[in-house]
C-alpha atoms as a PDB file:
ATOM      1  CA  MET A   1      66.883 -30.897  12.029  1.00  0.00           C
ATOM      2  CA  ALA A   2      63.787 -31.145  10.322  1.00  0.00           C
ATOM      3  CA  MET A   3      64.179 -30.039   6.929  1.00  0.00           C
ATOM      4  CA  GLN A   4      62.065 -26.320   5.779  1.00  0.00           C
ATOM      5  CA  ALA A   5      58.892 -27.492   3.972  1.00  0.00           C
ATOM      6  CA  ARG A   6      58.600 -26.498   0.156  1.00  0.00           C
ATOM      7  CA  VAL A   7      55.589 -24.854  -1.477  1.00  0.00           C
ATOM      8  CA  ILE A   8      56.335 -25.038  -5.424  1.00  0.00           C
ATOM      9  CA  VAL A   9      54.039 -23.438  -8.097  1.00  0.00           C
ATOM     10  CA  THR A  10      54.373 -25.518 -11.173  1.00  0.00           C
ATOM     11  CA  ASP A  11      52.707 -23.442 -13.560  1.00  0.00           C
ATOM     12  CA  TYR A  12      50.575 -19.978 -13.733  1.00  0.00           C
ATOM     13  CA  THR A  13      49.321 -17.293 -16.133  1.00  0.00           C
ATOM     14  CA  PHE A  14      49.325 -14.480 -13.084  1.00  0.00           C
ATOM     15  CA  PRO A  15      51.472 -11.312 -13.341  1.00  0.00           C
ATOM     16  CA  GLU A  16      52.636 -12.324 -10.056  1.00  0.00           C
ATOM     17  CA  LEU A  17      52.708 -14.578  -6.756  1.00  0.00           C
ATOM     18  CA  GLN A  18      52.811 -12.435  -4.157  1.00  0.00           C
ATOM     19  CA  GLN A  19      49.592 -14.114  -2.030  1.00  0.00           C
ATOM     20  CA  GLU A  20      51.033 -17.425  -2.581  1.00  0.00           C
ATOM     21  CA  ARG A  21      54.401 -16.454  -1.584  1.00  0.00           C
ATOM     22  CA  ARG A  22      53.464 -14.817   1.551  1.00  0.00           C
ATOM     23  CA  ALA A  23      51.482 -17.725   2.469  1.00  0.00           C
ATOM     24  CA  ALA A  24      54.283 -20.021   2.155  1.00  0.00           C
ATOM     25  CA  GLU A  25      56.895 -17.950   3.591  1.00  0.00           C
ATOM     26  CA  SER A  26      54.613 -16.360   6.745  1.00  0.00           C
ATOM     27  CA  ALA A  27      54.874 -20.855   7.687  1.00  0.00           C
ATOM     28  CA  GLY A  28      58.459 -20.805   7.512  1.00  0.00           C
ATOM     29  CA  ALA A  29      58.188 -22.621   3.778  1.00  0.00           C
ATOM     30  CA  ASP A  30      60.566 -22.573   1.080  1.00  0.00           C
ATOM     31  CA  PHE A  31      58.867 -21.301  -2.178  1.00  0.00           C
ATOM     32  CA  ALA A  32      59.281 -21.348  -5.505  1.00  0.00           C
ATOM     33  CA  ALA A  33      57.303 -21.064  -9.230  1.00  0.00           C
ATOM     34  CA  PHE A  34      58.000 -22.833 -12.140  1.00  0.00           C
ATOM     35  CA  GLN A  35      56.546 -22.476 -15.609  1.00  0.00           C
ATOM     36  CA  CYS A  36      56.350 -26.395 -16.704  1.00  0.00           C
ATOM     37  CA  ARG A  37      54.969 -27.717 -19.690  1.00  0.00           C
ATOM     38  CA  THR A  38      55.239 -31.663 -19.602  1.00  0.00           C
ATOM     39  CA  ALA A  39      54.843 -34.236 -17.049  1.00  0.00           C
ATOM     40  CA  GLU A  40      58.462 -34.565 -16.801  1.00  0.00           C
ATOM     41  CA  ASP A  41      58.898 -31.273 -15.646  1.00  0.00           C
ATOM     42  CA  VAL A  42      56.294 -31.209 -13.204  1.00  0.00           C
ATOM     43  CA  ALA A  43      58.083 -34.047 -11.471  1.00  0.00           C
ATOM     44  CA  GLU A  44      61.087 -32.850 -11.413  1.00  0.00           C
ATOM     45  CA  ALA A  45      59.844 -29.410 -10.028  1.00  0.00           C
ATOM     46  CA  VAL A  46      57.934 -30.868  -7.285  1.00  0.00           C
ATOM     47  CA  ASP A  47      60.657 -33.132  -5.592  1.00  0.00           C
ATOM     48  CA  GLY A  48      60.395 -32.872  -2.011  1.00  0.00           C
ATOM     49  CA  ALA A  49      57.516 -30.275  -1.984  1.00  0.00           C
ATOM     50  CA  LYS A  50      54.904 -30.559   1.216  1.00  0.00           C
ATOM     51  CA  VAL A  51      52.791 -28.228  -1.147  1.00  0.00           C
ATOM     52  CA  ALA A  52      52.574 -28.262  -5.111  1.00  0.00           C
ATOM     53  CA  VAL A  53      49.873 -25.812  -6.940  1.00  0.00           C
ATOM     54  CA  VAL A  54      49.036 -26.913 -10.485  1.00  0.00           C
ATOM     55  CA  GLN A  55      47.412 -24.699 -13.097  1.00  0.00           C
ATOM     56  CA  PHE A  56      47.306 -26.931 -16.212  1.00  0.00           C
ATOM     57  CA  ALA A  57      50.378 -28.730 -16.343  1.00  0.00           C
ATOM     58  CA  PRO A  58      49.817 -32.562 -16.172  1.00  0.00           C
ATOM     59  CA  PHE A  59      50.400 -33.931 -12.367  1.00  0.00           C
ATOM     60  CA  THR A  60      50.837 -37.427 -13.044  1.00  0.00           C
ATOM     61  CA  ALA A  61      51.783 -40.677 -10.996  1.00  0.00           C
ATOM     62  CA  ALA A  62      55.450 -39.890 -11.159  1.00  0.00           C
ATOM     63  CA  ALA A  63      54.709 -36.436  -9.874  1.00  0.00           C
ATOM     64  CA  ALA A  64      52.567 -38.049  -6.518  1.00  0.00           C
ATOM     65  CA  ALA A  65      55.936 -39.954  -5.864  1.00  0.00           C
ATOM     66  CA  ARG A  66      58.149 -37.207  -5.829  1.00  0.00           C
ATOM     67  CA  LEU A  67      56.179 -35.174  -2.754  1.00  0.00           C
ATOM     68  CA  ALA A  68      56.711 -35.183   0.285  1.00  0.00           C
ATOM     69  CA  PRO A  69      55.051 -37.539   2.919  1.00  0.00           C
ATOM     70  CA  GLY A  70      51.355 -35.858   3.991  1.00  0.00           C
ATOM     71  CA  ALA A  71      51.632 -33.242   1.218  1.00  0.00           C
ATOM     72  CA  ALA A  72      48.952 -31.782  -0.749  1.00  0.00           C
ATOM     73  CA  VAL A  73      48.016 -30.869  -4.522  1.00  0.00           C
ATOM     74  CA  ILE A  74      46.425 -27.520  -5.020  1.00  0.00           C
ATOM     75  CA  ARG A  75      44.595 -26.942  -8.456  1.00  0.00           C
ATOM     76  CA  TYR A  76      44.284 -23.267  -9.710  1.00  0.00           C
ATOM     77  CA  GLY A  77      40.827 -23.589 -11.290  1.00  0.00           C
ATOM     78  CA  VAL A  78      37.169 -25.132 -11.311  1.00  0.00           C
ATOM     79  CA  GLY A  79      38.132 -28.982 -12.652  1.00  0.00           C
ATOM     80  CA  TYR A  80      41.113 -30.987 -11.419  1.00  0.00           C
ATOM     81  CA  ASP A  81      41.180 -33.273 -15.084  1.00  0.00           C
ATOM     82  CA  ASN A  82      44.939 -32.618 -14.925  1.00  0.00           C
ATOM     83  CA  ILE A  83      45.853 -34.399 -11.783  1.00  0.00           C
ATOM     84  CA  ASP A  84      45.846 -38.091 -11.438  1.00  0.00           C
ATOM     85  CA  VAL A  85      43.986 -38.237  -7.744  1.00  0.00           C
ATOM     86  CA  ALA A  86      43.906 -41.750  -8.112  1.00  0.00           C
ATOM     87  CA  ALA A  87      47.638 -42.045  -7.805  1.00  0.00           C
ATOM     88  CA  CYS A  88      47.487 -39.327  -5.461  1.00  0.00           C
ATOM     89  CA  ALA A  89      44.954 -41.314  -3.125  1.00  0.00           C
ATOM     90  CA  GLU A  90      47.356 -44.035  -3.283  1.00  0.00           C
ATOM     91  CA  ARG A  91      50.000 -42.170  -1.281  1.00  0.00           C
ATOM     92  CA  GLY A  92      47.628 -40.264   0.941  1.00  0.00           C
ATOM     93  CA  ILE A  93      48.046 -37.064  -0.867  1.00  0.00           C
ATOM     94  CA  ALA A  94      45.423 -34.128  -0.341  1.00  0.00           C
ATOM     95  CA  VAL A  95      43.486 -32.771  -3.434  1.00  0.00           C
ATOM     96  CA  SER A  96      41.816 -29.893  -3.718  1.00  0.00           C
ATOM     97  CA  TYR A  97      40.842 -27.054  -6.231  1.00  0.00           C
ATOM     98  CA  VAL A  98      38.698 -23.687  -6.637  1.00  0.00           C
ATOM     99  CA  PRO A  99      35.491 -24.465  -8.015  1.00  0.00           C
ATOM    100  CA  ASP A 100      33.721 -21.456  -6.832  1.00  0.00           C
ATOM    101  CA  TYR A 101      35.866 -18.447  -7.910  1.00  0.00           C
ATOM    102  CA  CYS A 102      34.896 -17.356 -11.402  1.00  0.00           C
ATOM    103  CA  ALA A 103      31.246 -18.940 -12.056  1.00  0.00           C
ATOM    104  CA  ASP A 104      29.697 -15.811 -12.374  1.00  0.00           C
ATOM    105  CA  GLU A 105      32.471 -14.392 -15.307  1.00  0.00           C
ATOM    106  CA  VAL A 106      32.042 -17.827 -17.287  1.00  0.00           C
ATOM    107  CA  ALA A 107      28.495 -17.808 -16.859  1.00  0.00           C
ATOM    108  CA  ASP A 108      29.018 -13.994 -18.273  1.00  0.00           C
ATOM    109  CA  HIS A 109      31.392 -15.349 -21.223  1.00  0.00           C
ATOM    110  CA  THR A 110      28.567 -18.137 -22.155  1.00  0.00           C
ATOM    111  CA  ALA A 111      25.775 -16.405 -22.661  1.00  0.00           C
ATOM    112  CA  ALA A 112      27.528 -13.694 -24.178  1.00  0.00           C
ATOM    113  CA  SER A 113      29.009 -16.279 -26.855  1.00  0.00           C
ATOM    114  CA  LEU A 114      25.709 -17.827 -27.406  1.00  0.00           C
ATOM    115  CA  LEU A 115      23.729 -14.407 -28.090  1.00  0.00           C
ATOM    116  CA  ALA A 116      26.891 -13.414 -30.492  1.00  0.00           C
ATOM    117  CA  MET A 117      26.368 -16.897 -32.458  1.00  0.00           C
ATOM    118  CA  LEU A 118      22.598 -16.550 -32.887  1.00  0.00           C
ATOM    119  CA  ARG A 119      22.439 -12.561 -34.117  1.00  0.00           C
ATOM    120  CA  LYS A 120      25.489 -14.129 -36.194  1.00  0.00           C
ATOM    121  CA  LEU A 121      27.790 -11.258 -35.293  1.00  0.00           C
ATOM    122  CA  PRO A 122      30.988 -12.571 -36.240  1.00  0.00           C
ATOM    123  CA  ALA A 123      29.625 -13.554 -39.425  1.00  0.00           C
ATOM    124  CA  PHE A 124      28.299  -9.980 -39.858  1.00  0.00           C
ATOM    125  CA  ASP A 125      31.820  -8.513 -39.011  1.00  0.00           C
ATOM    126  CA  ALA A 126      33.713 -10.795 -41.173  1.00  0.00           C
ATOM    127  CA  SER A 127      31.286  -9.909 -43.954  1.00  0.00           C
ATOM    128  CA  VAL A 128      31.862  -6.002 -43.525  1.00  0.00           C
ATOM    129  CA  ARG A 129      35.572  -6.364 -43.683  1.00  0.00           C
ATOM    130  CA  ARG A 130      34.857  -7.847 -46.885  1.00  0.00           C
ATOM    131  CA  GLY A 131      33.040  -5.181 -48.329  1.00  0.00           C
ATOM    132  CA  ASP A 132      29.693  -6.564 -48.165  1.00  0.00           C
ATOM    133  CA  TRP A 133      26.885  -5.444 -47.224  1.00  0.00           C
ATOM    134  CA  LYS A 134      23.959  -7.549 -47.046  1.00  0.00           C
ATOM    135  CA  ALA A 135      22.231  -8.318 -43.895  1.00  0.00           C
ATOM    136  CA  VAL A 136      19.796 -11.139 -44.805  1.00  0.00           C
ATOM    137  CA  ALA A 137      22.016 -12.643 -47.050  1.00  0.00           C
ATOM    138  CA  VAL A 138      24.782 -13.528 -44.079  1.00  0.00           C
ATOM    139  CA  ALA A 139      22.192 -13.613 -41.556  1.00  0.00           C
ATOM    140  CA  LYS A 140      19.258 -16.049 -42.753  1.00  0.00           C
ATOM    141  CA  PRO A 141      18.203 -18.348 -41.124  1.00  0.00           C
ATOM    142  CA  LEU A 142      18.009 -16.294 -38.112  1.00  0.00           C
ATOM    143  CA  LYS A 143      14.970 -17.242 -35.384  1.00  0.00           C
ATOM    144  CA  SER A 144      13.818 -14.621 -33.091  1.00  0.00           C
ATOM    145  CA  PHE A 145      14.479 -15.041 -29.415  1.00  0.00           C
ATOM    146  CA  ASP A 146      11.151 -16.302 -28.726  1.00  0.00           C
ATOM    147  CA  GLU A 147      11.420 -19.234 -31.116  1.00  0.00           C
ATOM    148  CA  THR A 148      14.616 -20.020 -29.918  1.00  0.00           C
ATOM    149  CA  LEU A 149      15.385 -23.250 -27.976  1.00  0.00           C
ATOM    150  CA  ILE A 150      18.149 -23.315 -25.930  1.00  0.00           C
ATOM    151  CA  GLY A 151      19.420 -26.333 -24.849  1.00  0.00           C
ATOM    152  CA  PHE A 152      22.106 -27.070 -21.696  1.00  0.00           C
ATOM    153  CA  PHE A 153      23.747 -30.282 -21.892  1.00  0.00           C
ATOM    154  CA  GLY A 154      24.784 -30.767 -18.107  1.00  0.00           C
ATOM    155  CA  PHE A 155      23.268 -28.026 -15.632  1.00  0.00           C
ATOM    156  CA  GLY A 156      25.307 -27.554 -12.505  1.00  0.00           C
ATOM    157  CA  HIS A 157      25.911 -24.241 -10.990  1.00  0.00           C
ATOM    158  CA  ILE A 158      27.340 -22.236 -14.081  1.00  0.00           C
ATOM    159  CA  GLY A 159      24.709 -23.785 -16.312  1.00  0.00           C
ATOM    160  CA  ARG A 160      22.034 -22.216 -13.982  1.00  0.00           C
ATOM    161  CA  LEU A 161      23.822 -18.930 -13.744  1.00  0.00           C
ATOM    162  CA  THR A 162      24.025 -19.020 -17.090  1.00  0.00           C
ATOM    163  CA  PHE A 163      20.271 -19.665 -17.267  1.00  0.00           C
ATOM    164  CA  ALA A 164      19.721 -16.960 -15.463  1.00  0.00           C
ATOM    165  CA  ARG A 165      21.531 -14.309 -17.997  1.00  0.00           C
ATOM    166  CA  LEU A 166      19.446 -15.720 -21.070  1.00  0.00           C
ATOM    167  CA  LYS A 167      16.174 -16.345 -19.468  1.00  0.00           C
ATOM    168  CA  PRO A 168      15.069 -12.522 -19.594  1.00  0.00           C
ATOM    169  CA  PHE A 169      15.580 -12.536 -23.612  1.00  0.00           C
ATOM    170  CA  GLY A 170      12.461 -14.949 -23.960  1.00  0.00           C
ATOM    171  CA  PHE A 171      14.140 -18.089 -25.033  1.00  0.00           C
ATOM    172  CA  ARG A 172      12.591 -21.352 -24.173  1.00  0.00           C
ATOM    173  CA  PHE A 173      15.037 -24.192 -22.883  1.00  0.00           C
ATOM    174  CA  ALA A 174      15.177 -28.012 -22.282  1.00  0.00           C
ATOM    175  CA  VAL A 175      17.694 -29.318 -20.140  1.00  0.00           C
ATOM    176  CA  ALA A 176      19.899 -32.996 -20.358  1.00  0.00           C
ATOM    177  CA  ASP A 177      21.113 -33.607 -16.873  1.00  0.00           C
ATOM    178  CA  PRO A 178      20.338 -36.510 -14.926  1.00  0.00           C
ATOM    179  CA  MET A 179      20.611 -34.859 -12.082  1.00  0.00           C
ATOM    180  CA  LEU A 180      18.024 -32.561 -11.954  1.00  0.00           C
ATOM    181  CA  SER A 181      14.711 -33.599 -11.297  1.00  0.00           C
ATOM    182  CA  PRO A 182      11.219 -33.055 -12.990  1.00  0.00           C
ATOM    183  CA  ASP A 183       9.671 -31.143 -10.039  1.00  0.00           C
ATOM    184  CA  VAL A 184      12.865 -28.954 -10.201  1.00  0.00           C
ATOM    185  CA  ALA A 185      12.969 -28.247 -13.756  1.00  0.00           C
ATOM    186  CA  GLN A 186       9.066 -27.703 -14.025  1.00  0.00           C
ATOM    187  CA  GLU A 187       9.428 -25.140 -11.422  1.00  0.00           C
ATOM    188  CA  MET A 188      12.211 -23.361 -13.597  1.00  0.00           C
ATOM    189  CA  GLY A 189      10.656 -23.439 -16.790  1.00  0.00           C
ATOM    190  CA  LEU A 190      12.663 -26.302 -18.340  1.00  0.00           C
ATOM    191  CA  GLU A 191      11.886 -29.352 -20.603  1.00  0.00           C
ATOM    192  CA  LEU A 192      13.921 -32.148 -19.580  1.00  0.00           C
ATOM    193  CA  MET A 193      15.390 -34.306 -22.288  1.00  0.00           C
ATOM    194  CA  ASP A 194      17.463 -36.947 -22.810  1.00  0.00           C
ATOM    195  CA  ALA A 195      20.787 -36.068 -24.648  1.00  0.00           C
ATOM    196  CA  ASP A 196      20.261 -37.378 -28.057  1.00  0.00           C
ATOM    197  CA  THR A 197      16.536 -35.555 -28.042  1.00  0.00           C
ATOM    198  CA  LEU A 198      18.533 -32.210 -27.085  1.00  0.00           C
ATOM    199  CA  PHE A 199      21.011 -32.762 -29.776  1.00  0.00           C
ATOM    200  CA  ARG A 200      17.912 -32.854 -31.977  1.00  0.00           C
ATOM    201  CA  ASN A 201      15.657 -30.429 -31.208  1.00  0.00           C
ATOM    202  CA  ALA A 202      17.490 -27.249 -29.917  1.00  0.00           C
ATOM    203  CA  ASP A 203      18.776 -24.119 -31.589  1.00  0.00           C
ATOM    204  CA  ALA A 204      21.494 -23.693 -29.315  1.00  0.00           C
ATOM    205  CA  LEU A 205      23.506 -25.915 -27.156  1.00  0.00           C
ATOM    206  CA  CYS A 206      25.602 -24.951 -23.776  1.00  0.00           C
ATOM    207  CA  LEU A 207      27.802 -27.198 -23.053  1.00  0.00           C
ATOM    208  CA  HIS A 208      28.267 -27.354 -19.160  1.00  0.00           C
ATOM    209  CA  ALA A 209      29.011 -31.160 -18.337  1.00  0.00           C
ATOM    210  CA  PRO A 210      32.195 -32.301 -16.364  1.00  0.00           C
ATOM    211  CA  ALA A 211      35.006 -34.736 -18.285  1.00  0.00           C
ATOM    212  CA  THR A 212      34.368 -37.940 -17.407  1.00  0.00           C
ATOM    213  CA  GLU A 213      34.468 -41.671 -19.385  1.00  0.00           C
ATOM    214  CA  GLN A 214      31.149 -40.864 -20.536  1.00  0.00           C
ATOM    215  CA  THR A 215      30.862 -37.516 -21.748  1.00  0.00           C
ATOM    216  CA  ARG A 216      34.765 -37.464 -23.275  1.00  0.00           C
ATOM    217  CA  PHE A 217      33.941 -36.653 -26.998  1.00  0.00           C
ATOM    218  CA  PHE A 218      30.363 -36.805 -26.544  1.00  0.00           C
ATOM    219  CA  VAL A 219      30.181 -34.272 -29.166  1.00  0.00           C
ATOM    220  CA  ASP A 220      30.852 -36.746 -31.877  1.00  0.00           C
ATOM    221  CA  ALA A 221      30.345 -36.867 -35.711  1.00  0.00           C
ATOM    222  CA  GLU A 222      26.594 -38.740 -35.041  1.00  0.00           C
ATOM    223  CA  ARG A 223      25.638 -36.440 -32.444  1.00  0.00           C
ATOM    224  CA  LEU A 224      26.855 -33.252 -34.570  1.00  0.00           C
ATOM    225  CA  ALA A 225      24.990 -34.884 -37.688  1.00  0.00           C
ATOM    226  CA  ALA A 226      22.087 -35.195 -36.053  1.00  0.00           C
ATOM    227  CA  MET A 227      21.490 -31.349 -35.135  1.00  0.00           C
ATOM    228  CA  GLN A 228      19.619 -28.781 -37.058  1.00  0.00           C
ATOM    229  CA  PRO A 229      21.671 -27.273 -39.757  1.00  0.00           C
ATOM    230  CA  HIS A 230      21.083 -23.915 -38.380  1.00  0.00           C
ATOM    231  CA  ALA A 231      22.016 -24.939 -34.383  1.00  0.00           C
ATOM    232  CA  VAL A 232      25.052 -23.615 -32.783  1.00  0.00           C
ATOM    233  CA  VAL A 233      27.238 -25.210 -30.101  1.00  0.00           C
ATOM    234  CA  VAL A 234      29.054 -23.260 -27.062  1.00  0.00           C
ATOM    235  CA  ASN A 235      31.291 -25.049 -24.963  1.00  0.00           C
ATOM    236  CA  THR A 236      33.064 -22.940 -22.106  1.00  0.00           C
ATOM    237  CA  ALA A 237      32.975 -26.326 -19.992  1.00  0.00           C
ATOM    238  CA  ARG A 238      36.156 -28.991 -20.888  1.00  0.00           C
ATOM    239  CA  GLY A 239      37.552 -29.268 -24.404  1.00  0.00           C
ATOM    240  CA  ALA A 240      37.621 -33.280 -24.201  1.00  0.00           C
ATOM    241  CA  LEU A 241      33.623 -32.893 -24.701  1.00  0.00           C
ATOM    242  CA  ILE A 242      33.950 -32.332 -28.289  1.00  0.00           C
ATOM    243  CA  ASP A 243      35.791 -34.368 -31.104  1.00  0.00           C
ATOM    244  CA  GLU A 244      37.251 -31.455 -32.569  1.00  0.00           C
ATOM    245  CA  ALA A 245      38.178 -32.921 -36.071  1.00  0.00           C
ATOM    246  CA  ALA A 246      34.225 -33.991 -36.348  1.00  0.00           C
ATOM    247  CA  LEU A 247      33.010 -30.583 -35.209  1.00  0.00           C
ATOM    248  CA  ALA A 248      35.756 -28.678 -38.041  1.00  0.00           C
ATOM    249  CA  GLN A 249      33.975 -31.007 -40.543  1.00  0.00           C
ATOM    250  CA  ALA A 250      30.471 -30.608 -39.735  1.00  0.00           C
ATOM    251  CA  LEU A 251      31.414 -26.583 -39.754  1.00  0.00           C
ATOM    252  CA  ARG A 252      33.406 -27.049 -43.149  1.00  0.00           C
ATOM    253  CA  ALA A 253      30.412 -29.168 -44.443  1.00  0.00           C
ATOM    254  CA  GLY A 254      27.777 -26.850 -42.997  1.00  0.00           C
ATOM    255  CA  THR A 255      26.450 -29.870 -40.821  1.00  0.00           C
ATOM    256  CA  ILE A 256      25.735 -27.306 -38.246  1.00  0.00           C
ATOM    257  CA  GLY A 257      25.278 -23.531 -37.975  1.00  0.00           C
ATOM    258  CA  GLY A 258      28.391 -22.581 -35.793  1.00  0.00           C
ATOM    259  CA  ALA A 259      30.228 -23.081 -32.489  1.00  0.00           C
ATOM    260  CA  ALA A 260      31.764 -20.660 -29.659  1.00  0.00           C
ATOM    261  CA  LEU A 261      34.558 -22.325 -28.101  1.00  0.00           C
ATOM    262  CA  ASP A 262      36.617 -21.012 -25.112  1.00  0.00           C
ATOM    263  CA  VAL A 263      38.453 -24.732 -24.385  1.00  0.00           C
ATOM    264  CA  PHE A 264      39.832 -27.071 -26.258  1.00  0.00           C
ATOM    265  CA  ASN A 265      41.610 -30.856 -26.312  1.00  0.00           C
ATOM    266  CA  THR A 266      45.083 -29.358 -26.498  1.00  0.00           C
ATOM    267  CA  GLU A 267      45.986 -26.182 -24.677  1.00  0.00           C
ATOM    268  CA  PRO A 268      46.902 -23.851 -26.360  1.00  0.00           C
ATOM    269  CA  LEU A 269      45.206 -24.362 -29.695  1.00  0.00           C
ATOM    270  CA  PRO A 270      47.821 -25.793 -31.832  1.00  0.00           C
ATOM    271  CA  ALA A 271      48.896 -24.001 -35.026  1.00  0.00           C
ATOM    272  CA  ASP A 272      47.827 -26.721 -36.897  1.00  0.00           C
ATOM    273  CA  SER A 273      44.001 -27.387 -35.568  1.00  0.00           C
ATOM    274  CA  PRO A 274      41.559 -27.666 -37.665  1.00  0.00           C
ATOM    275  CA  LEU A 275      39.479 -25.448 -35.990  1.00  0.00           C
ATOM    276  CA  ARG A 276      41.784 -22.697 -37.255  1.00  0.00           C
ATOM    277  CA  ASP A 277      40.327 -22.424 -40.775  1.00  0.00           C
ATOM    278  CA  VAL A 278      36.690 -23.308 -40.912  1.00  0.00           C
ATOM    279  CA  PRO A 279      33.678 -20.590 -40.818  1.00  0.00           C
ATOM    280  CA  ASN A 280      31.714 -19.859 -38.227  1.00  0.00           C
ATOM    281  CA  VAL A 281      33.421 -20.472 -35.208  1.00  0.00           C
ATOM    282  CA  MET A 282      34.742 -17.858 -32.604  1.00  0.00           C
ATOM    283  CA  LEU A 283      37.297 -18.888 -30.266  1.00  0.00           C
ATOM    284  CA  THR A 284      38.743 -17.637 -27.220  1.00  0.00           C
ATOM    285  CA  PRO A 285      41.971 -18.394 -25.463  1.00  0.00           C
ATOM    286  CA  HIS A 286      40.733 -20.471 -22.608  1.00  0.00           C
ATOM    287  CA  ALA A 287      39.278 -16.870 -20.811  1.00  0.00           C
ATOM    288  CA  ALA A 288      35.961 -17.333 -19.376  1.00  0.00           C
ATOM    289  CA  TRP A 289      37.051 -17.479 -16.455  1.00  0.00           C
ATOM    290  CA  TYR A 290      38.854 -14.035 -16.371  1.00  0.00           C
ATOM    291  CA  SER A 291      38.252 -10.481 -14.895  1.00  0.00           C
ATOM    292  CA  ASP A 292      40.438  -8.790 -12.674  1.00  0.00           C
ATOM    293  CA  GLY A 293      38.764  -9.140  -9.574  1.00  0.00           C
ATOM    294  CA  ALA A 294      38.477 -13.017 -10.288  1.00  0.00           C
ATOM    295  CA  ILE A 295      42.425 -13.467 -10.483  1.00  0.00           C
ATOM    296  CA  GLY A 296      42.296 -11.910  -7.310  1.00  0.00           C
ATOM    297  CA  ARG A 297      40.056 -14.413  -5.568  1.00  0.00           C
ATOM    298  CA  LEU A 298      41.765 -17.531  -7.316  1.00  0.00           C
ATOM    299  CA  GLN A 299      44.823 -16.771  -6.157  1.00  0.00           C
ATOM    300  CA  GLY A 300      43.970 -15.543  -2.386  1.00  0.00           C
ATOM    301  CA  LEU A 301      41.871 -18.721  -2.097  1.00  0.00           C
ATOM    302  CA  VAL A 302      44.772 -20.936  -3.484  1.00  0.00           C
ATOM    303  CA  ALA A 303      46.809 -18.993  -0.826  1.00  0.00           C
ATOM    304  CA  GLY A 304      44.770 -19.587   2.136  1.00  0.00           C
ATOM    305  CA  ASP A 305      44.808 -23.396   1.479  1.00  0.00           C
ATOM    306  CA  ILE A 306      48.732 -23.379   1.263  1.00  0.00           C
ATOM    307  CA  ALA A 307      48.408 -21.689   4.913  1.00  0.00           C
ATOM    308  CA  ALA A 308      46.021 -24.005   5.832  1.00  0.00           C
ATOM    309  CA  TRP A 309      47.781 -27.126   4.702  1.00  0.00           C
ATOM    310  CA  LEU A 310      51.214 -26.161   6.178  1.00  0.00           C
ATOM    311  CA  ASP A 311      49.343 -25.121   9.666  1.00  0.00           C
ATOM    312  CA  GLY A 312      47.932 -28.823   9.794  1.00  0.00           C
ATOM    313  CA  LYS A 313      44.479 -27.608   8.755  1.00  0.00           C
ATOM    314  CA  PRO A 314      41.979 -29.048   6.106  1.00  0.00           C
ATOM    315  CA  LEU A 315      41.763 -27.964   2.462  1.00  0.00           C
ATOM    316  CA  ARG A 316      38.972 -25.621   1.549  1.00  0.00           C
ATOM    317  CA  LYS A 317      37.310 -27.713  -1.050  1.00  0.00           C
ATOM    318  CA  PRO A 318      39.168 -31.271  -0.874  1.00  0.00           C
ATOM    319  CA  VAL A 319      38.608 -33.538  -4.045  1.00  0.00           C
ATOM    320  CA  PRO A 320      37.542 -36.948  -3.122  1.00  0.00           C
ATOM    321  CA  TRP A 321      39.311 -39.859  -3.218  1.00  0.00           C
ATOM    322  CA  PRO A 322      38.465 -42.143  -5.684  1.00  0.00           C
ATOM    323  CA  GLY A 323      36.171 -45.106  -4.049  1.00  0.00           C
ATOM    324  CA  ALA A 324      36.086 -42.806  -0.808  1.00  0.00           C
ATOM    325  CA  ALA A 325      32.364 -42.901   0.976  1.00  0.00           C
END
């Protein structure tokens, strides 16, 4: 007698999992949800699973080894850095993700964070709460928007949506992205720069690059030192893009003007993180993806992948295996 298929959610931050449970049980599968934090917890939870759904917990080779034959791993989210895709490929385990459920929300959050930092809203708020009433002393230097150069490090889908939101404010724009052709950049009114030139010249820098071996800790002490002292950094992409200790030191020393961060190397942000005690930084709890509608879209798309895989159909957004053509 064949064993009943199992669908496991390793961790989640949603109020409920009705759509996922319904997709599993409608296909005759058993469903269980956990709140795993460690790789060991994940490996134990997914033992024998036909489908493993992961949010932030690390999915390692040890977890891949515990899955049932012909299993799939589905990531709640835009990236899949926490999944050992190579280990899954070695065992023939399909991996999928949901890169398109919250692009507008992330672009909104990025644009709002950048505008708040450029207009010094966090600094103004803090000064008034201290009992001060000194607009110029707090704000200076503050360029008008038509004199401000916004730089995009990476210019994928979310970067382009952010650009569309910021364009009406009259900024100048520059991009460092090897995938963007000169013709397209010119058509869009963007100046193409190499990354180091962008870091030196931008008044505000939006990070939209993926986390890879080439981009990990790309924003390091050397590049921060090359930036203008009033420049601000906005990161809603990947925490691994920034050397957080170097950024904290740069903020403390006034090497750059400020930062707005929604993603971090370790999440939740540790209590002893140096970023908690530095000036001119605005911190949000990996919230750029959120809206009431985005949660429903994300869970609905994951539920669709669960149902498809249990029915022998392909995943909606498969992650390519390393080395695949």
